Amino acid sequence: MMTMAQPSKGLLKPRDLAALLGIKEQTLAKWRMTRGMGPNFVKCGRSVLYHPDEVADFIARRTVNCTLRGQQL
C-alpha cells in the first residue's frame, strides 16, 4: 500500500498504465465505471492516477497458469 510520506511519487497516469498493460485508455475508463474490474485508483479532482503497488496487486490477482478454468480435459 501507499505510504503518506510521498503520496504522488511514481503514480501512473491512465495513458501510461494503458501502455504498460497493452490496452486502450478507454478500457481503463470502463473498468473505473465497473466496480472491481480494474486496479484501484486515486481520484484528485478530475485527475485519475494509479499507484504502482495497486497495479502490481491487480496483475497478481489476474495471473493464471491455465486457460481452461472450469473445463475438464
N, C-alpha and C. Protein backbone atom coordinates (compact mmCIF):
# COMPACT_ATOMS: atom_id res chain seq x y z
N MET A 1 0.82 -1.19 0.00
CA MET A 1 0.00 0.00 0.00
C MET A 1 0.87 1.25 0.00
N MET A 2 0.28 2.34 -0.38
CA MET A 2 0.97 3.61 -0.49
C MET A 2 1.17 4.23 0.88
N THR A 3 2.36 4.78 1.12
CA THR A 3 2.61 5.50 2.36
C THR A 3 2.29 6.96 2.14
N MET A 4 2.00 7.67 3.21
CA MET A 4 1.64 9.07 3.11
C MET A 4 2.85 9.98 3.01
N ALA A 5 4.06 9.47 3.15
CA ALA A 5 5.26 10.30 3.10
C ALA A 5 5.43 10.95 1.73
N GLN A 6 5.24 10.19 0.66
CA GLN A 6 5.37 10.70 -0.69
C GLN A 6 4.22 10.16 -1.54
N PRO A 7 3.00 10.69 -1.34
CA PRO A 7 1.83 10.10 -1.99
C PRO A 7 1.81 10.19 -3.50
N SER A 8 2.48 11.17 -4.11
CA SER A 8 2.38 11.30 -5.56
C SER A 8 3.59 10.75 -6.30
N LYS A 9 4.62 10.33 -5.59
CA LYS A 9 5.82 9.84 -6.24
C LYS A 9 5.54 8.54 -6.98
N GLY A 10 5.80 8.54 -8.27
CA GLY A 10 5.67 7.33 -9.06
C GLY A 10 4.27 6.95 -9.47
N LEU A 11 3.29 7.80 -9.26
CA LEU A 11 1.93 7.47 -9.68
C LEU A 11 1.84 7.49 -11.20
N LEU A 12 1.03 6.58 -11.74
CA LEU A 12 0.89 6.44 -13.18
C LEU A 12 -0.38 7.12 -13.68
N LYS A 13 -0.27 7.79 -14.81
CA LYS A 13 -1.44 8.35 -15.47
C LYS A 13 -2.10 7.23 -16.27
N PRO A 14 -3.40 7.36 -16.56
CA PRO A 14 -4.08 6.31 -17.33
C PRO A 14 -3.38 5.96 -18.64
N ARG A 15 -2.87 6.93 -19.37
CA ARG A 15 -2.21 6.63 -20.65
C ARG A 15 -0.96 5.78 -20.43
N ASP A 16 -0.25 6.04 -19.31
CA ASP A 16 0.96 5.27 -19.02
C ASP A 16 0.61 3.83 -18.63
N LEU A 17 -0.43 3.69 -17.82
CA LEU A 17 -0.84 2.34 -17.41
C LEU A 17 -1.39 1.56 -18.60
N ALA A 18 -2.17 2.23 -19.44
CA ALA A 18 -2.70 1.56 -20.63
C ALA A 18 -1.56 1.03 -21.50
N ALA A 19 -0.54 1.84 -21.68
CA ALA A 19 0.61 1.40 -22.48
C ALA A 19 1.32 0.23 -21.81
N LEU A 20 1.46 0.28 -20.50
CA LEU A 20 2.12 -0.79 -19.76
C LEU A 20 1.35 -2.11 -19.89
N LEU A 21 0.03 -2.04 -19.82
CA LEU A 21 -0.80 -3.25 -19.88
C LEU A 21 -1.11 -3.68 -21.31
N GLY A 22 -0.83 -2.81 -22.27
CA GLY A 22 -1.14 -3.14 -23.66
C GLY A 22 -2.62 -3.08 -23.97
N ILE A 23 -3.33 -2.15 -23.33
CA ILE A 23 -4.76 -1.98 -23.55
C ILE A 23 -5.04 -0.52 -23.91
N LYS A 24 -6.27 -0.24 -24.30
CA LYS A 24 -6.65 1.13 -24.62
C LYS A 24 -6.98 1.89 -23.34
N GLU A 25 -6.73 3.19 -23.38
CA GLU A 25 -7.06 4.04 -22.25
C GLU A 25 -8.56 3.98 -21.94
N GLN A 26 -9.37 3.81 -22.98
CA GLN A 26 -10.82 3.71 -22.80
C GLN A 26 -11.20 2.47 -22.00
N THR A 27 -10.41 1.41 -22.10
CA THR A 27 -10.67 0.21 -21.31
C THR A 27 -10.53 0.52 -19.83
N LEU A 28 -9.49 1.26 -19.47
CA LEU A 28 -9.32 1.66 -18.07
C LEU A 28 -10.51 2.50 -17.61
N ALA A 29 -10.97 3.40 -18.46
CA ALA A 29 -12.12 4.24 -18.10
C ALA A 29 -13.36 3.38 -17.85
N LYS A 30 -13.56 2.37 -18.69
CA LYS A 30 -14.71 1.46 -18.49
C LYS A 30 -14.55 0.68 -17.19
N TRP A 31 -13.33 0.22 -16.91
CA TRP A 31 -13.09 -0.52 -15.68
C TRP A 31 -13.37 0.35 -14.46
N ARG A 32 -13.04 1.63 -14.52
CA ARG A 32 -13.30 2.52 -13.38
C ARG A 32 -14.79 2.66 -13.12
N MET A 33 -15.60 2.50 -14.15
CA MET A 33 -17.05 2.62 -14.00
C MET A 33 -17.69 1.31 -13.56
N THR A 34 -16.94 0.23 -13.67
CA THR A 34 -17.44 -1.09 -13.29
C THR A 34 -16.74 -1.50 -12.01
N ARG A 35 -17.46 -1.51 -10.93
CA ARG A 35 -16.90 -1.78 -9.61
C ARG A 35 -16.09 -3.08 -9.59
N GLY A 36 -14.82 -2.95 -9.22
CA GLY A 36 -13.97 -4.11 -9.03
C GLY A 36 -13.30 -4.66 -10.28
N MET A 37 -13.50 -4.04 -11.42
CA MET A 37 -12.91 -4.58 -12.65
C MET A 37 -11.43 -4.24 -12.80
N GLY A 38 -11.05 -3.01 -12.57
CA GLY A 38 -9.67 -2.58 -12.80
C GLY A 38 -8.91 -2.38 -11.51
N PRO A 39 -7.67 -1.91 -11.64
CA PRO A 39 -6.88 -1.64 -10.44
C PRO A 39 -7.45 -0.46 -9.66
N ASN A 40 -7.24 -0.46 -8.35
CA ASN A 40 -7.65 0.69 -7.54
C ASN A 40 -6.93 1.92 -8.04
N PHE A 41 -7.58 3.07 -7.91
CA PHE A 41 -7.00 4.30 -8.41
C PHE A 41 -7.22 5.44 -7.43
N VAL A 42 -6.46 6.51 -7.64
CA VAL A 42 -6.56 7.72 -6.83
C VAL A 42 -7.27 8.77 -7.67
N LYS A 43 -8.26 9.42 -7.11
CA LYS A 43 -9.00 10.46 -7.80
C LYS A 43 -8.73 11.78 -7.09
N CYS A 44 -8.11 12.72 -7.80
CA CYS A 44 -7.83 14.06 -7.28
C CYS A 44 -8.46 15.06 -8.23
N GLY A 45 -9.61 15.59 -7.84
CA GLY A 45 -10.33 16.46 -8.76
C GLY A 45 -10.74 15.67 -9.98
N ARG A 46 -10.28 16.11 -11.15
CA ARG A 46 -10.58 15.40 -12.38
C ARG A 46 -9.48 14.44 -12.79
N SER A 47 -8.40 14.45 -12.05
CA SER A 47 -7.26 13.58 -12.38
C SER A 47 -7.45 12.19 -11.81
N VAL A 48 -7.02 11.20 -12.57
CA VAL A 48 -7.02 9.80 -12.15
C VAL A 48 -5.58 9.33 -12.19
N LEU A 49 -5.14 8.72 -11.10
CA LEU A 49 -3.77 8.22 -11.01
C LEU A 49 -3.78 6.82 -10.42
N TYR A 50 -2.77 6.03 -10.78
CA TYR A 50 -2.65 4.66 -10.30
C TYR A 50 -1.33 4.50 -9.58
N HIS A 51 -1.38 3.92 -8.38
CA HIS A 51 -0.16 3.64 -7.62
C HIS A 51 0.43 2.32 -8.13
N PRO A 52 1.74 2.28 -8.34
CA PRO A 52 2.36 1.05 -8.84
C PRO A 52 2.07 -0.20 -8.00
N ASP A 53 1.96 -0.05 -6.69
CA ASP A 53 1.64 -1.21 -5.85
C ASP A 53 0.25 -1.76 -6.16
N GLU A 54 -0.71 -0.86 -6.41
CA GLU A 54 -2.07 -1.30 -6.75
C GLU A 54 -2.08 -2.00 -8.11
N VAL A 55 -1.27 -1.49 -9.03
CA VAL A 55 -1.16 -2.11 -10.35
C VAL A 55 -0.55 -3.51 -10.22
N ALA A 56 0.48 -3.64 -9.40
CA ALA A 56 1.12 -4.95 -9.19
C ALA A 56 0.12 -5.92 -8.56
N ASP A 57 -0.68 -5.46 -7.60
CA ASP A 57 -1.70 -6.32 -6.98
C ASP A 57 -2.74 -6.76 -8.02
N PHE A 58 -3.16 -5.83 -8.86
CA PHE A 58 -4.13 -6.11 -9.91
C PHE A 58 -3.60 -7.20 -10.85
N ILE A 59 -2.35 -7.05 -11.26
CA ILE A 59 -1.74 -8.04 -12.16
C ILE A 59 -1.61 -9.39 -11.47
N ALA A 60 -1.21 -9.39 -10.21
CA ALA A 60 -1.05 -10.64 -9.46
C ALA A 60 -2.39 -11.38 -9.32
N ARG A 61 -3.47 -10.63 -9.10
CA ARG A 61 -4.79 -11.26 -8.95
C ARG A 61 -5.28 -11.89 -10.25
N ARG A 62 -4.74 -11.45 -11.37
CA ARG A 62 -5.18 -11.96 -12.66
C ARG A 62 -4.19 -12.88 -13.33
N THR A 63 -3.18 -13.26 -12.59
CA THR A 63 -2.18 -14.18 -13.11
C THR A 63 -2.70 -15.61 -12.97
N VAL A 64 -2.75 -16.32 -14.08
CA VAL A 64 -3.25 -17.70 -14.08
C VAL A 64 -2.22 -18.61 -14.75
N ASN A 65 -2.35 -19.89 -14.52
CA ASN A 65 -1.43 -20.83 -15.15
C ASN A 65 -2.13 -21.75 -16.14
N CYS A 66 -3.43 -21.53 -16.35
CA CYS A 66 -4.18 -22.37 -17.26
C CYS A 66 -5.39 -21.59 -17.78
N THR A 67 -5.67 -21.72 -19.06
CA THR A 67 -6.83 -21.02 -19.63
C THR A 67 -8.08 -21.88 -19.64
N LEU A 68 -8.00 -23.08 -19.07
CA LEU A 68 -9.14 -24.00 -19.08
C LEU A 68 -9.96 -23.95 -17.80
N ARG A 69 -10.05 -22.79 -17.18
CA ARG A 69 -10.81 -22.69 -15.92
C ARG A 69 -12.21 -23.28 -16.10
N GLY A 70 -12.55 -24.16 -15.22
CA GLY A 70 -13.89 -24.74 -15.23
C GLY A 70 -14.13 -25.79 -16.29
N GLN A 71 -13.15 -26.04 -17.13
CA GLN A 71 -13.31 -27.05 -18.17
C GLN A 71 -12.51 -28.30 -17.81
N GLN A 72 -13.06 -29.42 -18.10
CA GLN A 72 -12.35 -30.67 -17.84
C GLN A 72 -11.62 -31.10 -19.10
N LEU A 73 -10.46 -31.70 -18.88
CA LEU A 73 -9.68 -32.20 -20.03
C LEU A 73 -10.17 -33.55 -20.47
